Amino acid sequence: MTIKTWKTHPVHHVMLEILKRKKAMTDMELFEALTEEFKDIGFKDFNELLMRLEIAGKIRTTSMARGKRRVELITEE
C-alpha cells in the first residue's frame, strides 16, 4: 500500500521557481522539470496551468516551431 503525502508547495509555485532560475525554457523542458517533483501531473494539467499563469500575467508563452513553445517568466521591475 502506497501512502500519498501532501506537497508543501503547489505546482504553480514550483513552476514559477523553476522559471525564476532558468528565465526561459521550452515547454517540454519545463514539463520534465515539473514531473521530477510531481510524478502524477499530466500534460493536460500542465497546459491548463500554463494557461492560468499566462492569463494571470505571470508568464508568457510564444510559439517556436511546430509543437514547441517557449515559456518565459515576466519580470516585474
N, C-alpha and C. Protein backbone atom coordinates (compact mmCIF):
# COMPACT_ATOMS: atom_id res chain seq x y z
N MET A 1 0.84 -1.18 0.00
CA MET A 1 0.00 0.00 0.00
C MET A 1 0.89 1.24 0.00
N THR A 2 0.64 2.12 -0.95
CA THR A 2 1.42 3.36 -1.01
C THR A 2 0.68 4.46 -0.26
N ILE A 3 1.43 5.28 0.39
CA ILE A 3 0.86 6.39 1.13
C ILE A 3 1.22 7.68 0.41
N LYS A 4 0.21 8.45 0.05
CA LYS A 4 0.44 9.73 -0.61
C LYS A 4 0.52 10.82 0.45
N THR A 5 1.48 11.69 0.28
CA THR A 5 1.61 12.81 1.21
C THR A 5 1.35 14.11 0.46
N TRP A 6 0.94 15.11 1.20
CA TRP A 6 0.69 16.42 0.61
C TRP A 6 2.00 17.11 0.32
N LYS A 7 2.07 17.78 -0.81
CA LYS A 7 3.25 18.57 -1.15
C LYS A 7 3.15 19.91 -0.41
N THR A 8 4.30 20.44 -0.01
CA THR A 8 4.30 21.69 0.74
C THR A 8 4.11 22.90 -0.17
N HIS A 9 4.47 22.77 -1.45
CA HIS A 9 4.31 23.85 -2.41
C HIS A 9 3.36 23.42 -3.52
N PRO A 10 2.42 24.30 -3.89
CA PRO A 10 1.56 23.97 -5.03
C PRO A 10 2.37 23.93 -6.33
N VAL A 11 1.82 23.30 -7.34
CA VAL A 11 2.52 23.11 -8.61
C VAL A 11 2.90 24.45 -9.24
N HIS A 12 1.99 25.43 -9.19
CA HIS A 12 2.29 26.70 -9.85
C HIS A 12 3.44 27.44 -9.18
N HIS A 13 3.61 27.28 -7.87
CA HIS A 13 4.75 27.90 -7.19
C HIS A 13 6.06 27.25 -7.63
N VAL A 14 6.05 25.93 -7.76
CA VAL A 14 7.25 25.22 -8.19
C VAL A 14 7.59 25.62 -9.62
N MET A 15 6.58 25.75 -10.49
CA MET A 15 6.81 26.15 -11.87
C MET A 15 7.44 27.55 -11.92
N LEU A 16 6.92 28.47 -11.13
CA LEU A 16 7.47 29.82 -11.11
C LEU A 16 8.90 29.84 -10.55
N GLU A 17 9.18 29.00 -9.57
CA GLU A 17 10.55 28.91 -9.03
C GLU A 17 11.53 28.40 -10.08
N ILE A 18 11.11 27.40 -10.85
CA ILE A 18 11.96 26.87 -11.92
C ILE A 18 12.24 27.96 -12.94
N LEU A 19 11.20 28.70 -13.32
CA LEU A 19 11.37 29.76 -14.31
C LEU A 19 12.20 30.92 -13.77
N LYS A 20 12.15 31.18 -12.47
CA LYS A 20 13.00 32.22 -11.89
C LYS A 20 14.46 31.86 -12.03
N ARG A 21 14.78 30.58 -11.89
CA ARG A 21 16.18 30.13 -12.03
C ARG A 21 16.63 30.13 -13.48
N LYS A 22 15.77 29.66 -14.39
CA LYS A 22 16.15 29.48 -15.79
C LYS A 22 15.78 30.66 -16.68
N LYS A 23 14.85 31.51 -16.26
CA LYS A 23 14.33 32.66 -17.02
C LYS A 23 13.42 32.23 -18.17
N ALA A 24 13.89 31.36 -19.07
CA ALA A 24 13.07 30.90 -20.18
C ALA A 24 13.49 29.50 -20.57
N MET A 25 12.52 28.69 -21.01
CA MET A 25 12.81 27.34 -21.45
C MET A 25 11.66 26.84 -22.32
N THR A 26 11.87 25.72 -22.98
CA THR A 26 10.79 25.17 -23.80
C THR A 26 9.75 24.51 -22.88
N ASP A 27 8.58 24.31 -23.43
CA ASP A 27 7.51 23.71 -22.63
C ASP A 27 7.85 22.29 -22.21
N MET A 28 8.53 21.53 -23.06
CA MET A 28 8.88 20.15 -22.71
C MET A 28 9.95 20.11 -21.62
N GLU A 29 10.92 21.02 -21.65
CA GLU A 29 11.93 21.09 -20.59
C GLU A 29 11.26 21.41 -19.26
N LEU A 30 10.33 22.34 -19.29
CA LEU A 30 9.62 22.72 -18.08
C LEU A 30 8.75 21.58 -17.56
N PHE A 31 8.09 20.88 -18.48
CA PHE A 31 7.26 19.74 -18.10
C PHE A 31 8.10 18.64 -17.45
N GLU A 32 9.27 18.36 -18.02
CA GLU A 32 10.15 17.34 -17.45
C GLU A 32 10.66 17.74 -16.07
N ALA A 33 10.96 19.04 -15.89
CA ALA A 33 11.42 19.52 -14.59
C ALA A 33 10.29 19.40 -13.55
N LEU A 34 9.07 19.65 -13.96
CA LEU A 34 7.93 19.53 -13.04
C LEU A 34 7.63 18.08 -12.69
N THR A 35 7.77 17.18 -13.66
CA THR A 35 7.47 15.77 -13.37
C THR A 35 8.50 15.14 -12.45
N GLU A 36 9.67 15.75 -12.31
CA GLU A 36 10.63 15.24 -11.33
C GLU A 36 10.10 15.45 -9.92
N GLU A 37 9.43 16.57 -9.70
CA GLU A 37 8.89 16.89 -8.38
C GLU A 37 7.48 16.31 -8.19
N PHE A 38 6.65 16.42 -9.21
CA PHE A 38 5.26 15.95 -9.15
C PHE A 38 5.09 14.83 -10.17
N LYS A 39 5.18 13.61 -9.74
CA LYS A 39 5.12 12.45 -10.63
C LYS A 39 3.75 12.25 -11.28
N ASP A 40 2.70 12.73 -10.62
CA ASP A 40 1.35 12.44 -11.10
C ASP A 40 0.75 13.54 -11.98
N ILE A 41 1.52 14.55 -12.37
CA ILE A 41 0.98 15.61 -13.22
C ILE A 41 0.98 15.14 -14.66
N GLY A 42 -0.12 15.38 -15.35
CA GLY A 42 -0.23 15.01 -16.75
C GLY A 42 -0.02 16.22 -17.65
N PHE A 43 0.12 15.97 -18.95
CA PHE A 43 0.37 17.06 -19.88
C PHE A 43 -0.84 17.98 -19.99
N LYS A 44 -2.04 17.44 -19.85
CA LYS A 44 -3.25 18.26 -19.89
C LYS A 44 -3.27 19.22 -18.71
N ASP A 45 -2.94 18.72 -17.52
CA ASP A 45 -2.88 19.57 -16.33
C ASP A 45 -1.79 20.64 -16.48
N PHE A 46 -0.68 20.26 -17.08
CA PHE A 46 0.42 21.18 -17.32
C PHE A 46 -0.02 22.32 -18.24
N ASN A 47 -0.72 21.98 -19.32
CA ASN A 47 -1.19 23.01 -20.25
C ASN A 47 -2.21 23.93 -19.59
N GLU A 48 -3.08 23.37 -18.75
CA GLU A 48 -4.04 24.18 -18.01
C GLU A 48 -3.33 25.16 -17.08
N LEU A 49 -2.30 24.69 -16.42
CA LEU A 49 -1.52 25.52 -15.51
C LEU A 49 -0.81 26.63 -16.27
N LEU A 50 -0.25 26.32 -17.44
CA LEU A 50 0.37 27.34 -18.28
C LEU A 50 -0.63 28.41 -18.66
N MET A 51 -1.83 27.99 -19.05
CA MET A 51 -2.86 28.94 -19.46
C MET A 51 -3.26 29.84 -18.30
N ARG A 52 -3.44 29.28 -17.13
CA ARG A 52 -3.83 30.08 -15.96
C ARG A 52 -2.76 31.10 -15.58
N LEU A 53 -1.49 30.69 -15.63
CA LEU A 53 -0.41 31.60 -15.30
C LEU A 53 -0.23 32.69 -16.36
N GLU A 54 -0.52 32.34 -17.61
CA GLU A 54 -0.42 33.34 -18.67
C GLU A 54 -1.56 34.36 -18.56
N ILE A 55 -2.74 33.91 -18.24
CA ILE A 55 -3.87 34.81 -18.04
C ILE A 55 -3.63 35.72 -16.84
N ALA A 56 -3.00 35.19 -15.81
CA ALA A 56 -2.69 35.98 -14.61
C ALA A 56 -1.55 36.97 -14.84
N GLY A 57 -0.86 36.86 -15.98
CA GLY A 57 0.21 37.79 -16.29
C GLY A 57 1.54 37.44 -15.65
N LYS A 58 1.72 36.19 -15.26
CA LYS A 58 2.96 35.75 -14.62
C LYS A 58 3.98 35.24 -15.63
N ILE A 59 3.50 34.59 -16.71
CA ILE A 59 4.39 34.04 -17.72
C ILE A 59 3.93 34.46 -19.11
N ARG A 60 4.80 34.22 -20.09
CA ARG A 60 4.47 34.47 -21.49
C ARG A 60 4.89 33.23 -22.28
N THR A 61 4.01 32.76 -23.14
CA THR A 61 4.36 31.63 -24.00
C THR A 61 4.33 32.11 -25.44
N THR A 62 5.34 31.70 -26.20
CA THR A 62 5.41 32.03 -27.61
C THR A 62 5.69 30.75 -28.39
N SER A 63 5.16 30.70 -29.58
CA SER A 63 5.33 29.52 -30.43
C SER A 63 6.69 29.60 -31.10
N MET A 64 7.45 28.50 -31.03
CA MET A 64 8.78 28.46 -31.64
C MET A 64 8.72 27.72 -32.98
N ALA A 65 8.43 26.47 -32.92
CA ALA A 65 8.32 25.62 -34.11
C ALA A 65 7.07 24.78 -33.94
N ARG A 66 6.81 23.96 -34.89
CA ARG A 66 5.60 23.13 -34.82
C ARG A 66 5.62 22.27 -33.56
N GLY A 67 4.68 22.53 -32.67
CA GLY A 67 4.55 21.74 -31.45
C GLY A 67 5.49 22.16 -30.33
N LYS A 68 6.25 23.22 -30.50
CA LYS A 68 7.17 23.68 -29.46
C LYS A 68 6.81 25.09 -29.04
N ARG A 69 6.87 25.31 -27.74
CA ARG A 69 6.59 26.65 -27.20
C ARG A 69 7.72 27.08 -26.29
N ARG A 70 7.96 28.37 -26.25
CA ARG A 70 8.93 28.93 -25.31
C ARG A 70 8.13 29.54 -24.17
N VAL A 71 8.50 29.20 -22.96
CA VAL A 71 7.84 29.71 -21.76
C VAL A 71 8.83 30.59 -21.04
N GLU A 72 8.44 31.83 -20.76
CA GLU A 72 9.33 32.73 -20.04
C GLU A 72 8.59 33.45 -18.92
N LEU A 73 9.33 33.76 -17.89
CA LEU A 73 8.77 34.46 -16.75
C LEU A 73 8.72 35.94 -17.08
N ILE A 74 7.63 36.58 -16.76
CA ILE A 74 7.51 38.03 -16.95
C ILE A 74 8.08 38.69 -15.70
N THR A 75 9.17 39.39 -15.88
CA THR A 75 9.82 40.04 -14.73
C THR A 75 9.12 41.35 -14.43
N GLU A 76 8.96 41.58 -13.16
CA GLU A 76 8.31 42.82 -12.71
C GLU A 76 9.38 43.75 -12.17
N GLU A 77 9.59 44.86 -12.85
CA GLU A 77 10.61 45.81 -12.40
C GLU A 77 10.04 46.81 -11.45
